[in-house]
Amino acid sequence: MSDTKASSIRHREIGIRESEDADEEAVPSSPLPYLKDNLDDRGNRKWQSYLWDTFDKSPEERRFLTKLDAALLTFASLGYFIKYLDQANVNNAFVSGMKEQLGLYGNQLNYMTTAWTVGYVIGQIPSNIILTRVRPSLWIPSMEIIWTILTMLLSKCNTVQQIYALRFLVGLAESTFYPGMQYIIGSWYRKDELAKRSCIFHTSSAIATMFSGYLMAAVYRLNGRGGLAGWQWLFIMDGVISMPIAIAGYFFIPDVPEISKAWYLTEKEIEIAKQRMVLEGREKRKPYTKAKFKKILTSWHIYLLSLLYVCFNNGNAGAAPVFAQFLKDSKSPKYTVAQINVYPTTTNAVQVVSTLIYAWLSDSVLKGRRWPPIMFGGALGIMCYVSLAIWDIPEGWRWACYILAGTGGGLSGLCMAWAHEICNDDNEERAIVVATMNEMAYVLQAWLPLIVWQQIDAPQYRKGFITITFLSALLIVTAAIIRVLHQRQNLKYATFPRETHSKTRMLTGNDRNQRPLSEPQDDETSVEDVGVLEDSLHKGVLN
């Protein structure tokens, strides 16, 4: 290996970012030599790391990740669970008595969805911009408490107009959570860890949808208790489940590494987190400027990644309870309320399993490539939705298509992981792009269901199935284009590293504030320490 290449690897391993105009050799402060760039050394990975990535890391890094997963990932999954529980409960309540009690025989369900979507769309980008300036551990839990209270108030609605108003406000409060948590997750995890965490986070939506069906089946037995219908009890129980999770956010969200004060992480572990992001090339928070906004708006990142997510998010039948409507419309056999709520959960079960398979394969066997599972999910979607659009198919195959359609619902985490990696070198771009992806997906969802998922077309929904077949095909094409452009971007970074990396160097140590290298530091590494580190890197990395 040449001296130049060896020097480049050594600098990456100890977390130095070279200044473009630096003439002298930089000396790192408090290097963490046990942080290895696993992504460049996959040939030496332990087989256990294909099951879970921490098995291939040092004891210090493994301990840090265990704590982080236990706090951040658990809270993120529970928070998304309660968010999606609320979304799913509207559909479950509608087919479990709300429709008949409030006389909703037109397209009111579509309008409820649209009211929520408008609020959700309005809040996302402003919320993620706020998250780059304030502590997420304060902002996100506060919004969760607000939407929990609003959800419980749905149980008191007597008119559809009241439901529209509350659904708009619920959507506005909920807009903070998903893009915000994706931004936070992308601020802590590396490429060989990110897809698994993002997908585990996302699977909680499918689990929540499943649980909502079981919850509705159970809560329906309370029908008439306290003068409330079963569907009203559903919203009350939703709030009871959500409130403690929302409050927990104040204690378990770790913010982002450079401002973290998480009580469960030590000073050393926070330094590990900072160095990991240096190794990953992920930028810190910086001020918003006109030049930054121009860079974001003139890049292909925000447009193609948003199109990818639009196709994923709208390229499935989640905008309408298609399986439940099919069961409800059936005359022979006639299904009970419990069956109508429970049987569609099989689709969500398939989504959970396929999502986890996609994530593990992408992070390990596929070596960080995100596009193969995305294309596979799109192809299965085309197969299922073409069949349902035809409609005149064997009954067993119809059930199979409803259930297998869940394989296309688990791509969100992969899309978001891909976005974090593509926008690696600009923290603010990453926050805005992630929010824009989710926002644009819901912009389309705000009006598309009114046209192609009309309640009066149930259960066949021919227009809807044709539309999402087209979107599944566009998902495949967009993923292919992004793959090519990302490869070109990586080639450019490899060819011109000094132009694409940060012009500031990473400083570590007990003092977390950024300091000039010229300032004396008590914890400054000696020349002898650097020599020992270089020897260890030669033995452990370069050989």
Protein backbone atom coordinates (compact mmCIF):
# COMPACT_ATOMS: atom_id res chain seq x y z
CA MET A 1 0.00 0.00 0.00
CA SER A 2 1.41 3.47 -0.90
CA ASP A 3 2.40 5.99 1.79
CA THR A 4 -0.23 8.41 0.52
CA LYS A 5 -3.05 5.91 0.82
CA ALA A 6 -1.83 4.72 4.21
CA SER A 7 -1.68 8.29 5.48
CA SER A 8 -5.22 8.92 4.23
CA ILE A 9 -6.54 5.90 6.11
CA ARG A 10 -4.68 6.84 9.29
CA HIS A 11 -6.14 10.34 9.21
CA ARG A 12 -9.65 8.96 8.78
CA GLU A 13 -9.20 6.48 11.62
CA ILE A 14 -8.17 9.10 14.20
CA GLY A 15 -10.92 11.47 13.21
CA ILE A 16 -8.98 14.37 11.64
CA ARG A 17 -10.45 16.63 8.99
CA GLU A 18 -7.70 18.53 7.21
CA SER A 19 -7.95 22.24 6.60
CA GLU A 20 -7.68 23.13 2.94
CA ASP A 21 -5.05 25.78 3.60
CA ALA A 22 -3.14 23.97 6.38
CA ASP A 23 0.61 23.77 5.78
CA GLU A 24 1.68 21.88 8.86
CA GLU A 25 0.68 18.36 9.92
CA ALA A 26 -2.26 18.36 12.29
CA VAL A 27 -1.99 16.57 15.60
CA PRO A 28 -5.19 14.93 16.84
CA SER A 29 -6.57 15.51 20.30
CA SER A 30 -7.75 12.52 22.34
CA PRO A 31 -7.88 9.99 19.48
CA LEU A 32 -10.09 6.95 19.91
CA PRO A 33 -8.13 4.21 18.12
CA TYR A 34 -10.68 1.49 18.85
CA LEU A 35 -13.13 3.10 16.41
CA LYS A 36 -12.52 1.19 13.20
CA ASP A 37 -13.92 2.00 9.80
CA ASN A 38 -15.76 -1.33 9.42
CA LEU A 39 -17.15 -0.32 6.06
CA ASP A 40 -13.71 -0.45 4.45
CA ASP A 41 -12.78 -3.72 6.12
CA ARG A 42 -15.77 -5.94 5.43
CA GLY A 43 -13.64 -8.90 4.43
CA ASN A 44 -12.59 -9.34 8.07
CA ARG A 45 -16.04 -9.07 9.60
CA LYS A 46 -17.16 -11.65 12.09
CA TRP A 47 -20.10 -13.76 11.00
CA GLN A 48 -22.03 -12.63 14.09
CA SER A 49 -22.02 -9.06 12.76
CA TYR A 50 -24.41 -10.14 10.02
CA LEU A 51 -26.91 -10.88 12.77
CA TRP A 52 -26.27 -7.65 14.70
CA ASP A 53 -23.55 -5.12 13.89
CA THR A 54 -22.31 -4.48 17.45
CA PHE A 55 -20.72 -7.95 17.58
CA ASP A 56 -17.96 -6.67 15.28
CA LYS A 57 -17.12 -3.58 17.33
CA SER A 58 -14.86 -2.82 20.28
CA PRO A 59 -16.24 -3.29 23.83
CA GLU A 60 -16.36 0.49 24.32
CA GLU A 61 -18.32 1.11 21.14
CA ARG A 62 -20.56 -1.89 21.77
CA ARG A 63 -21.43 -0.60 25.25
CA PHE A 64 -22.23 2.82 23.83
CA LEU A 65 -24.47 1.41 21.07
CA THR A 66 -26.31 -0.84 23.52
CA LYS A 67 -27.21 2.17 25.65
CA LEU A 68 -28.16 4.25 22.62
CA ASP A 69 -30.35 1.52 21.14
CA ALA A 70 -32.07 0.91 24.47
CA ALA A 71 -32.97 4.59 24.85
CA LEU A 72 -33.25 6.22 21.42
CA LEU A 73 -34.45 3.29 19.34
CA THR A 74 -36.93 2.11 21.97
CA PHE A 75 -38.43 5.56 22.39
CA ALA A 76 -38.51 6.22 18.63
CA SER A 77 -40.33 2.94 18.01
CA LEU A 78 -42.83 3.50 20.82
CA GLY A 79 -43.43 7.10 19.73
CA TYR A 80 -44.06 6.08 16.12
CA PHE A 81 -46.25 3.26 17.41
CA ILE A 82 -48.60 5.71 19.17
CA LYS A 83 -48.55 8.08 16.18
CA TYR A 84 -49.59 5.34 13.78
CA LEU A 85 -51.99 3.89 16.31
CA ASP A 86 -53.88 7.17 16.09
CA GLN A 87 -53.82 7.16 12.28
CA ALA A 88 -55.01 3.57 12.04
CA ASN A 89 -57.67 4.02 14.69
CA VAL A 90 -59.60 6.47 12.52
CA ASN A 91 -60.10 3.78 9.88
CA ASN A 92 -60.91 1.16 12.52
CA ALA A 93 -63.39 3.46 14.25
CA PHE A 94 -65.01 4.26 10.92
CA VAL A 95 -65.79 0.62 10.11
CA SER A 96 -66.76 -0.12 13.73
CA GLY A 97 -69.73 2.17 14.32
CA MET A 98 -68.62 5.75 13.64
CA LYS A 99 -69.94 5.65 10.09
CA GLU A 100 -73.44 4.61 11.14
CA GLN A 101 -73.65 6.74 14.31
CA LEU A 102 -72.61 9.98 12.60
CA GLY A 103 -74.25 9.22 9.25
CA LEU A 104 -71.06 9.24 7.18
CA TYR A 105 -72.23 7.68 3.93
CA GLY A 106 -70.35 9.89 1.45
CA ASN A 107 -66.62 10.60 1.18
CA GLN A 108 -66.24 11.89 4.74
CA LEU A 109 -63.50 9.36 5.54
CA ASN A 110 -61.46 10.79 2.67
CA TYR A 111 -62.01 14.31 3.99
CA MET A 112 -60.91 13.26 7.49
CA THR A 113 -57.71 11.89 6.01
CA THR A 114 -57.19 15.05 3.96
CA ALA A 115 -57.70 17.33 6.99
CA TRP A 116 -55.06 15.39 8.91
CA THR A 117 -52.70 15.37 5.91
CA VAL A 118 -52.93 19.14 5.39
CA GLY A 119 -51.87 19.75 8.99
CA TYR A 120 -49.14 17.15 8.69
CA VAL A 121 -47.77 18.71 5.51
CA ILE A 122 -47.72 22.26 6.85
CA GLY A 123 -45.68 21.41 9.94
CA GLN A 124 -42.86 19.14 8.75
CA ILE A 125 -40.21 21.41 7.21
CA PRO A 126 -40.60 24.19 9.84
CA SER A 127 -40.37 21.55 12.57
CA ASN A 128 -37.14 20.03 11.24
CA ILE A 129 -35.61 23.48 10.83
CA ILE A 130 -36.49 24.14 14.48
CA LEU A 131 -34.83 20.83 15.44
CA THR A 132 -31.50 22.07 14.07
CA ARG A 133 -31.70 25.02 16.48
CA VAL A 134 -33.41 23.75 19.68
CA ARG A 135 -33.13 20.57 21.69
CA PRO A 136 -35.21 17.75 20.18
CA SER A 137 -35.69 16.36 23.71
CA LEU A 138 -37.89 19.38 24.48
CA TRP A 139 -39.64 19.97 21.16
CA ILE A 140 -40.75 16.46 20.19
CA PRO A 141 -42.24 15.26 23.52
CA SER A 142 -44.17 18.53 23.91
CA MET A 143 -45.81 18.00 20.52
CA GLU A 144 -46.55 14.37 21.43
CA ILE A 145 -48.45 15.45 24.54
CA ILE A 146 -50.48 17.92 22.49
CA TRP A 147 -51.51 15.34 19.89
CA THR A 148 -52.37 12.82 22.61
CA ILE A 149 -54.82 15.27 24.20
CA LEU A 150 -56.33 16.14 20.81
CA THR A 151 -56.75 12.45 19.96
CA MET A 152 -58.68 11.82 23.17
CA LEU A 153 -60.96 14.76 22.35
CA LEU A 154 -62.05 12.93 19.17
CA SER A 155 -64.16 10.72 21.43
CA LYS A 156 -66.36 13.74 22.22
CA CYS A 157 -67.09 14.71 18.63
CA ASN A 158 -70.76 14.75 17.61
CA THR A 159 -70.40 16.15 14.08
CA VAL A 160 -68.07 15.43 11.21
CA GLN A 161 -67.00 19.11 11.14
CA GLN A 162 -65.57 18.75 14.65
CA ILE A 163 -63.66 15.69 13.52
CA TYR A 164 -62.21 17.60 10.53
CA ALA A 165 -60.95 20.41 12.80
CA LEU A 166 -59.38 18.07 15.35
CA ARG A 167 -57.80 15.87 12.69
CA PHE A 168 -56.12 18.96 11.17
CA LEU A 169 -54.65 19.92 14.56
CA VAL A 170 -53.58 16.34 15.30
CA GLY A 171 -51.76 16.23 11.94
CA LEU A 172 -50.02 19.53 12.70
CA ALA A 173 -48.74 18.24 16.06
CA GLU A 174 -47.75 14.83 14.65
CA SER A 175 -45.72 16.44 11.84
CA THR A 176 -42.82 16.88 14.25
CA PHE A 177 -42.26 13.23 14.99
CA TYR A 178 -41.34 11.04 12.02
CA PRO A 179 -39.02 13.37 10.08
CA GLY A 180 -37.61 14.64 13.37
CA MET A 181 -36.76 11.19 14.70
CA GLN A 182 -35.31 10.15 11.33
CA TYR A 183 -33.03 13.20 11.50
CA ILE A 184 -31.94 12.27 15.05
CA ILE A 185 -31.33 8.61 14.16
CA GLY A 186 -29.24 9.73 11.18
CA SER A 187 -27.16 11.88 13.55
CA TRP A 188 -26.01 8.92 15.68
CA TYR A 189 -25.65 5.80 13.51
CA ARG A 190 -23.18 4.76 10.85
CA LYS A 191 -23.80 3.25 7.44
CA ASP A 192 -23.55 -0.39 8.56
CA GLU A 193 -26.06 0.33 11.35
CA LEU A 194 -28.46 2.86 9.86
CA ALA A 195 -30.86 0.80 7.74
CA LYS A 196 -31.54 -1.66 10.56
CA ARG A 197 -32.35 1.12 13.03
CA SER A 198 -34.42 3.11 10.55
CA CYS A 199 -36.39 0.02 9.55
CA ILE A 200 -36.91 -1.16 13.14
CA PHE A 201 -38.22 2.33 13.82
CA HIS A 202 -40.54 2.12 10.82
CA THR A 203 -41.86 -1.37 11.60
CA SER A 204 -43.56 0.06 14.66
CA SER A 205 -46.07 1.67 12.27
CA ALA A 206 -47.12 -1.73 10.95
CA ILE A 207 -47.19 -3.16 14.48
CA ALA A 208 -49.37 -0.21 15.54
CA THR A 209 -51.78 -0.87 12.67
CA MET A 210 -51.98 -4.52 13.71
CA PHE A 211 -52.45 -3.58 17.34
CA SER A 212 -55.16 -1.09 16.42
CA GLY A 213 -57.17 -3.89 14.87
CA TYR A 214 -56.80 -6.05 17.98
CA LEU A 215 -57.49 -3.04 20.22
CA MET A 216 -60.67 -2.19 18.33
CA ALA A 217 -61.83 -5.78 18.56
CA ALA A 218 -61.27 -5.69 22.35
CA VAL A 219 -62.53 -2.16 23.02
CA TYR A 220 -65.71 -2.80 21.03
CA ARG A 221 -66.86 -4.85 24.01
CA LEU A 222 -67.05 -1.58 25.97
CA ASN A 223 -69.73 -0.40 23.56
CA GLY A 224 -72.37 1.41 25.62
CA ARG A 225 -70.29 1.71 28.81
CA GLY A 226 -70.46 5.21 30.25
CA GLY A 227 -72.78 6.25 27.45
CA LEU A 228 -69.97 5.94 24.90
CA ALA A 229 -69.84 3.85 21.75
CA GLY A 230 -67.03 1.37 21.12
CA TRP A 231 -65.33 3.64 18.58
CA GLN A 232 -65.29 6.48 21.13
CA TRP A 233 -63.61 4.24 23.71
CA LEU A 234 -60.95 3.48 21.08
CA PHE A 235 -59.77 7.11 21.04
CA ILE A 236 -59.78 7.28 24.85
CA MET A 237 -57.65 4.14 25.14
CA ASP A 238 -55.39 5.55 22.45
CA GLY A 239 -54.68 8.54 24.69
CA VAL A 240 -54.18 6.40 27.79
CA ILE A 241 -51.50 4.40 25.96
CA SER A 242 -49.85 7.45 24.39
CA MET A 243 -49.42 9.85 27.33
CA PRO A 244 -46.71 7.99 29.32
CA ILE A 245 -44.72 7.38 26.12
CA ALA A 246 -44.87 11.08 25.25
CA ILE A 247 -43.61 12.08 28.72
CA ALA A 248 -40.76 9.55 28.48
CA GLY A 249 -39.39 11.51 25.52
CA TYR A 250 -38.13 14.26 27.84
CA PHE A 251 -35.79 11.72 29.45
CA PHE A 252 -34.74 9.40 26.62
CA ILE A 253 -34.21 11.53 23.49
CA PRO A 254 -30.42 12.17 23.44
CA ASP A 255 -30.58 15.21 21.10
CA VAL A 256 -27.63 15.08 18.63
CA PRO A 257 -24.00 14.26 19.57
CA GLU A 258 -22.54 17.78 19.63
CA ILE A 259 -25.16 19.08 22.13
CA SER A 260 -26.08 15.84 23.90
CA LYS A 261 -26.50 15.82 27.67
CA ALA A 262 -28.15 12.40 27.83
CA TRP A 263 -28.05 11.15 31.43
CA TYR A 264 -27.42 7.56 30.34
CA LEU A 265 -24.26 8.37 28.30
CA THR A 266 -20.88 9.14 29.83
CA GLU A 267 -18.58 11.94 28.66
CA LYS A 268 -16.40 9.35 26.93
CA GLU A 269 -19.38 7.81 25.14
CA ILE A 270 -20.48 11.18 23.81
CA GLU A 271 -16.95 11.66 22.47
CA ILE A 272 -17.24 8.25 20.83
CA ALA A 273 -20.47 9.42 19.19
CA LYS A 274 -18.77 12.54 17.84
CA GLN A 275 -15.81 10.61 16.45
CA ARG A 276 -18.09 8.05 14.81
CA MET A 277 -19.80 10.82 12.88
CA VAL A 278 -16.39 12.18 11.82
CA LEU A 279 -15.45 8.75 10.48
CA GLU A 280 -18.78 8.68 8.68
CA GLY A 281 -18.19 12.13 7.19
CA ARG A 282 -21.42 13.43 8.70
CA GLU A 283 -21.36 17.17 9.28
CA LYS A 284 -22.18 19.07 12.46
CA ARG A 285 -24.83 21.76 12.78
CA LYS A 286 -24.00 25.05 11.06
CA PRO A 287 -25.83 28.37 10.51
CA TYR A 288 -28.36 28.73 7.73
CA THR A 289 -27.16 31.04 4.97
CA LYS A 290 -28.39 32.09 1.53
CA ALA A 291 -25.58 30.06 0.00
CA LYS A 292 -26.68 26.98 1.95
CA PHE A 293 -30.31 27.30 0.82
CA LYS A 294 -29.13 27.82 -2.77
CA LYS A 295 -26.98 24.70 -2.56
CA ILE A 296 -29.89 22.66 -1.20
CA LEU A 297 -32.39 23.91 -3.77
CA THR A 298 -30.06 23.47 -6.77
CA SER A 299 -29.01 19.92 -5.91
CA TRP A 300 -30.67 16.81 -7.30
CA HIS A 301 -30.84 15.40 -3.76
CA ILE A 302 -34.00 17.15 -2.60
CA TYR A 303 -35.94 16.51 -5.81
CA LEU A 304 -35.14 12.90 -6.63
CA LEU A 305 -35.15 11.69 -3.03
CA SER A 306 -38.52 13.36 -2.54
CA LEU A 307 -39.84 11.69 -5.71
CA LEU A 308 -38.56 8.34 -4.46
CA TYR A 309 -40.39 8.76 -1.16
CA VAL A 310 -43.54 10.07 -2.84
CA CYS A 311 -43.67 6.90 -4.94
CA PHE A 312 -43.09 4.67 -1.92
CA ASN A 313 -45.54 6.40 0.39
CA ASN A 314 -48.34 6.64 -2.16
CA GLY A 315 -47.50 3.44 -4.03
CA ASN A 316 -49.48 1.25 -1.67
CA ALA A 317 -53.08 0.96 -0.55
CA GLY A 318 -52.59 2.56 2.86
CA ALA A 319 -54.78 5.56 1.97
CA ALA A 320 -57.90 3.41 2.24
CA PRO A 321 -58.79 0.34 4.34
CA VAL A 322 -59.04 -1.78 1.18
CA PHE A 323 -58.82 -5.19 2.84
CA ALA A 324 -61.28 -4.21 5.60
CA GLN A 325 -63.70 -2.71 3.06
CA PHE A 326 -63.55 -5.92 1.02
CA LEU A 327 -64.42 -7.96 4.12
CA LYS A 328 -67.15 -5.54 5.20
CA ASP A 329 -68.74 -5.66 1.72
CA SER A 330 -68.74 -9.46 1.63
CA LYS A 331 -72.19 -11.03 1.80
CA SER A 332 -71.16 -14.66 1.67
CA PRO A 333 -69.52 -15.25 4.01
CA LYS A 334 -70.56 -12.40 6.31
CA TYR A 335 -67.69 -11.29 8.53
CA THR A 336 -68.04 -10.02 12.10
CA VAL A 337 -66.69 -6.66 13.32
CA ALA A 338 -63.85 -8.48 15.08
CA GLN A 339 -62.90 -10.37 11.90
CA ILE A 340 -63.01 -7.17 9.82
CA ASN A 341 -60.53 -5.59 12.24
CA VAL A 342 -58.25 -8.60 12.74
CA TYR A 343 -57.85 -10.26 9.33
CA PRO A 344 -56.22 -7.22 7.63
CA THR A 345 -53.46 -7.30 10.24
CA THR A 346 -51.90 -10.15 8.24
CA THR A 347 -50.80 -7.51 5.70
CA ASN A 348 -49.07 -5.60 8.48
CA ALA A 349 -47.41 -8.79 9.73
CA VAL A 350 -45.94 -9.34 6.27
CA GLN A 351 -44.76 -5.72 6.26
CA VAL A 352 -42.96 -6.16 9.59
CA VAL A 353 -41.16 -9.33 8.50
CA SER A 354 -40.21 -8.03 5.04
CA THR A 355 -39.00 -4.70 6.47
CA LEU A 356 -36.59 -6.44 8.83
CA ILE A 357 -35.36 -8.75 6.08
CA TYR A 358 -34.71 -5.75 3.80
CA ALA A 359 -32.81 -3.94 6.56
CA TRP A 360 -30.55 -6.85 7.54
CA LEU A 361 -29.75 -7.72 3.93
CA SER A 362 -29.05 -4.09 3.02
CA ASP A 363 -26.69 -3.44 5.95
CA SER A 364 -24.81 -6.75 5.67
CA VAL A 365 -25.02 -8.97 2.58
CA LEU A 366 -25.69 -6.06 0.20
CA LYS A 367 -22.87 -4.03 1.83
CA GLY A 368 -24.92 -0.90 2.41
CA ARG A 369 -26.72 -0.85 -0.93
CA ARG A 370 -30.29 0.39 -0.49
CA TRP A 371 -31.64 0.15 -4.02
CA PRO A 372 -32.07 -3.66 -4.46
CA PRO A 373 -34.76 -4.07 -1.74
CA ILE A 374 -36.49 -0.88 -2.94
CA MET A 375 -36.74 -2.24 -6.48
CA PHE A 376 -37.83 -5.66 -5.22
CA GLY A 377 -40.62 -4.15 -3.13
CA GLY A 378 -41.78 -2.09 -6.11
CA ALA A 379 -41.86 -5.18 -8.35
CA LEU A 380 -43.97 -7.16 -5.86
CA GLY A 381 -46.30 -4.18 -5.59
CA ILE A 382 -46.85 -4.17 -9.34
CA MET A 383 -47.71 -7.89 -9.25
CA CYS A 384 -50.25 -7.50 -6.43
CA TYR A 385 -51.95 -4.31 -7.56
CA VAL A 386 -52.27 -5.32 -11.22
CA SER A 387 -54.08 -8.44 -10.00
CA LEU A 388 -56.41 -6.44 -7.73
CA ALA A 389 -57.12 -3.94 -10.52
CA ILE A 390 -58.26 -6.82 -12.71
CA TRP A 391 -60.44 -7.95 -9.76
CA ASP A 392 -61.93 -10.96 -11.54
CA ILE A 393 -59.35 -13.35 -10.13
CA PRO A 394 -59.52 -16.48 -7.93
CA GLU A 395 -60.60 -15.67 -4.38
CA GLY A 396 -57.50 -17.28 -2.86
CA TRP A 397 -55.21 -15.17 -5.05
CA ARG A 398 -57.17 -12.03 -4.10
CA TRP A 399 -56.49 -12.72 -0.41
CA ALA A 400 -52.83 -13.43 -1.24
CA CYS A 401 -52.51 -10.09 -3.04
CA TYR A 402 -54.02 -8.15 -0.12
CA ILE A 403 -51.58 -9.85 2.24
CA LEU A 404 -48.43 -9.78 0.04
CA ALA A 405 -48.97 -6.09 -0.65
CA GLY A 406 -47.36 -5.58 2.75
CA THR A 407 -43.94 -6.31 1.19
CA GLY A 408 -43.98 -2.83 -0.36
CA GLY A 409 -44.83 -1.04 2.85
CA GLY A 410 -41.48 -1.51 4.59
CA LEU A 411 -39.22 0.61 2.40
CA SER A 412 -39.38 3.86 4.34
CA GLY A 413 -36.35 3.13 6.52
CA LEU A 414 -34.24 2.25 3.50
CA CYS A 415 -35.26 5.43 1.67
CA MET A 416 -34.41 7.52 4.72
CA ALA A 417 -31.09 5.73 5.31
CA TRP A 418 -30.16 6.36 1.68
CA ALA A 419 -31.02 10.04 2.08
CA HIS A 420 -28.82 10.37 5.20
CA GLU A 421 -25.89 8.87 3.33
CA ILE A 422 -26.37 10.94 0.17
CA CYS A 423 -26.66 14.20 2.18
CA ASN A 424 -23.86 13.18 4.53
CA ASP A 425 -21.75 16.34 4.23
CA ASP A 426 -24.41 18.93 5.14
CA ASN A 427 -26.38 18.61 8.38
CA GLU A 428 -28.97 21.25 7.48
CA GLU A 429 -29.51 19.78 4.01
CA ARG A 430 -30.01 16.38 5.61
CA ALA A 431 -32.66 17.75 7.99
CA ILE A 432 -34.49 19.64 5.25
CA VAL A 433 -34.32 16.82 2.68
CA VAL A 434 -35.66 14.24 5.15
CA ALA A 435 -38.54 16.54 6.07
CA THR A 436 -39.22 17.42 2.42
CA MET A 437 -39.33 13.76 1.43
CA ASN A 438 -42.01 13.04 4.00
CA GLU A 439 -43.83 16.30 3.33
CA MET A 440 -44.04 15.88 -0.45
CA ALA A 441 -45.30 12.33 0.03
CA TYR A 442 -48.17 13.67 2.11
CA VAL A 443 -48.79 16.61 -0.23
CA LEU A 444 -49.78 14.05 -2.85
CA GLN A 445 -51.66 12.05 -0.24
CA ALA A 446 -53.70 15.15 0.65
CA TRP A 447 -55.58 15.12 -2.66
CA LEU A 448 -54.86 11.84 -4.48
CA PRO A 449 -57.19 9.71 -2.30
CA LEU A 450 -60.06 12.08 -3.06
CA ILE A 451 -59.71 11.09 -6.71
CA VAL A 452 -58.58 7.46 -6.79
CA TRP A 453 -59.59 6.07 -3.37
CA GLN A 454 -63.15 7.30 -3.19
CA GLN A 455 -65.26 5.50 -0.64
CA ILE A 456 -68.05 5.03 -3.17
CA ASP A 457 -65.70 2.84 -5.28
CA ALA A 458 -65.18 0.34 -2.45
CA PRO A 459 -64.29 -2.46 -2.43
CA GLN A 460 -62.94 -2.72 -5.99
CA TYR A 461 -61.06 0.63 -6.04
CA ARG A 462 -60.03 0.11 -9.67
CA LYS A 463 -58.68 3.65 -10.11
CA GLY A 464 -56.67 3.34 -6.93
CA PHE A 465 -55.04 0.02 -7.81
CA ILE A 466 -54.11 1.26 -11.30
CA THR A 467 -52.59 4.44 -9.85
CA ILE A 468 -50.38 2.68 -7.32
CA THR A 469 -49.24 0.22 -9.99
CA PHE A 470 -47.90 3.20 -11.94
CA LEU A 471 -46.28 4.65 -8.80
CA SER A 472 -44.59 1.31 -8.04
CA ALA A 473 -43.08 1.33 -11.52
CA LEU A 474 -41.93 4.95 -11.08
CA LEU A 475 -40.36 3.95 -7.75
CA ILE A 476 -38.14 1.43 -9.55
CA VAL A 477 -37.10 3.93 -12.24
CA THR A 478 -36.33 6.66 -9.68
CA ALA A 479 -34.24 4.30 -7.55
CA ALA A 480 -32.20 3.37 -10.64
CA ILE A 481 -31.53 7.04 -11.48
CA ILE A 482 -30.54 7.87 -7.88
CA ARG A 483 -28.18 4.92 -7.85
CA VAL A 484 -26.34 6.24 -10.90
CA LEU A 485 -26.14 9.81 -9.59
CA HIS A 486 -24.99 8.65 -6.15
CA GLN A 487 -22.23 6.59 -7.74
CA ARG A 488 -21.08 9.67 -9.65
CA GLN A 489 -21.15 11.72 -6.46
CA ASN A 490 -19.04 9.14 -4.62
CA LEU A 491 -16.57 9.04 -7.52
CA LYS A 492 -16.24 12.82 -7.36
CA TYR A 493 -15.62 12.69 -3.60
CA ALA A 494 -12.96 10.04 -4.10
CA THR A 495 -11.27 12.08 -6.85
CA PHE A 496 -11.45 15.48 -5.12
CA PRO A 497 -11.51 14.75 -1.38
CA ARG A 498 -10.19 18.14 -0.34
CA GLU A 499 -13.08 19.93 -2.05
CA THR A 500 -15.83 17.77 -0.65
CA HIS A 501 -14.80 17.31 2.97
CA SER A 502 -15.27 19.81 5.76
CA LYS A 503 -12.68 22.52 6.16
CA THR A 504 -12.72 22.21 9.94
CA ARG A 505 -10.98 19.63 12.06
CA MET A 506 -12.67 17.51 14.65
CA LEU A 507 -11.61 18.31 18.21
CA THR A 508 -12.35 16.02 21.09
CA GLY A 509 -11.64 15.81 24.78
CA ASN A 510 -13.52 16.81 27.90
CA ASP A 511 -14.16 20.30 26.53
CA ARG A 512 -16.90 19.79 23.92
CA ASN A 513 -16.73 23.33 22.58
CA GLN A 514 -14.78 23.89 19.36
CA ARG A 515 -11.34 25.38 19.96
CA PRO A 516 -8.52 26.47 17.61
CA LEU A 517 -5.71 23.97 17.28
CA SER A 518 -3.25 26.64 18.34
CA GLU A 519 -4.72 26.83 21.85
CA PRO A 520 -2.91 24.74 24.49
CA GLN A 521 -4.95 21.75 25.63
CA ASP A 522 -4.34 19.76 28.78
CA ASP A 523 -5.44 16.55 27.09
CA GLU A 524 -3.37 17.08 23.93
CA THR A 525 -1.92 13.88 22.53
CA SER A 526 1.85 13.59 22.58
CA VAL A 527 4.00 12.73 19.59
CA GLU A 528 4.73 9.40 21.25
CA ASP A 529 1.00 8.68 21.54
CA VAL A 530 0.53 9.40 17.85
CA GLY A 531 3.37 7.03 17.02
CA VAL A 532 1.78 4.26 19.10
CA LEU A 533 -1.57 4.92 17.41
CA GLU A 534 -0.03 4.79 13.95
CA ASP A 535 1.63 1.47 14.77
CA SER A 536 -1.66 0.04 15.98
CA LEU A 537 -3.43 1.29 12.86
CA HIS A 538 -0.80 -0.33 10.64
CA LYS A 539 -1.28 -3.64 12.41
CA GLY A 540 -5.05 -3.55 12.83
CA VAL A 541 -6.21 -1.72 9.72
CA LEU A 542 -3.63 -1.46 7.00
CA ASN A 543 -2.57 -5.09 6.96
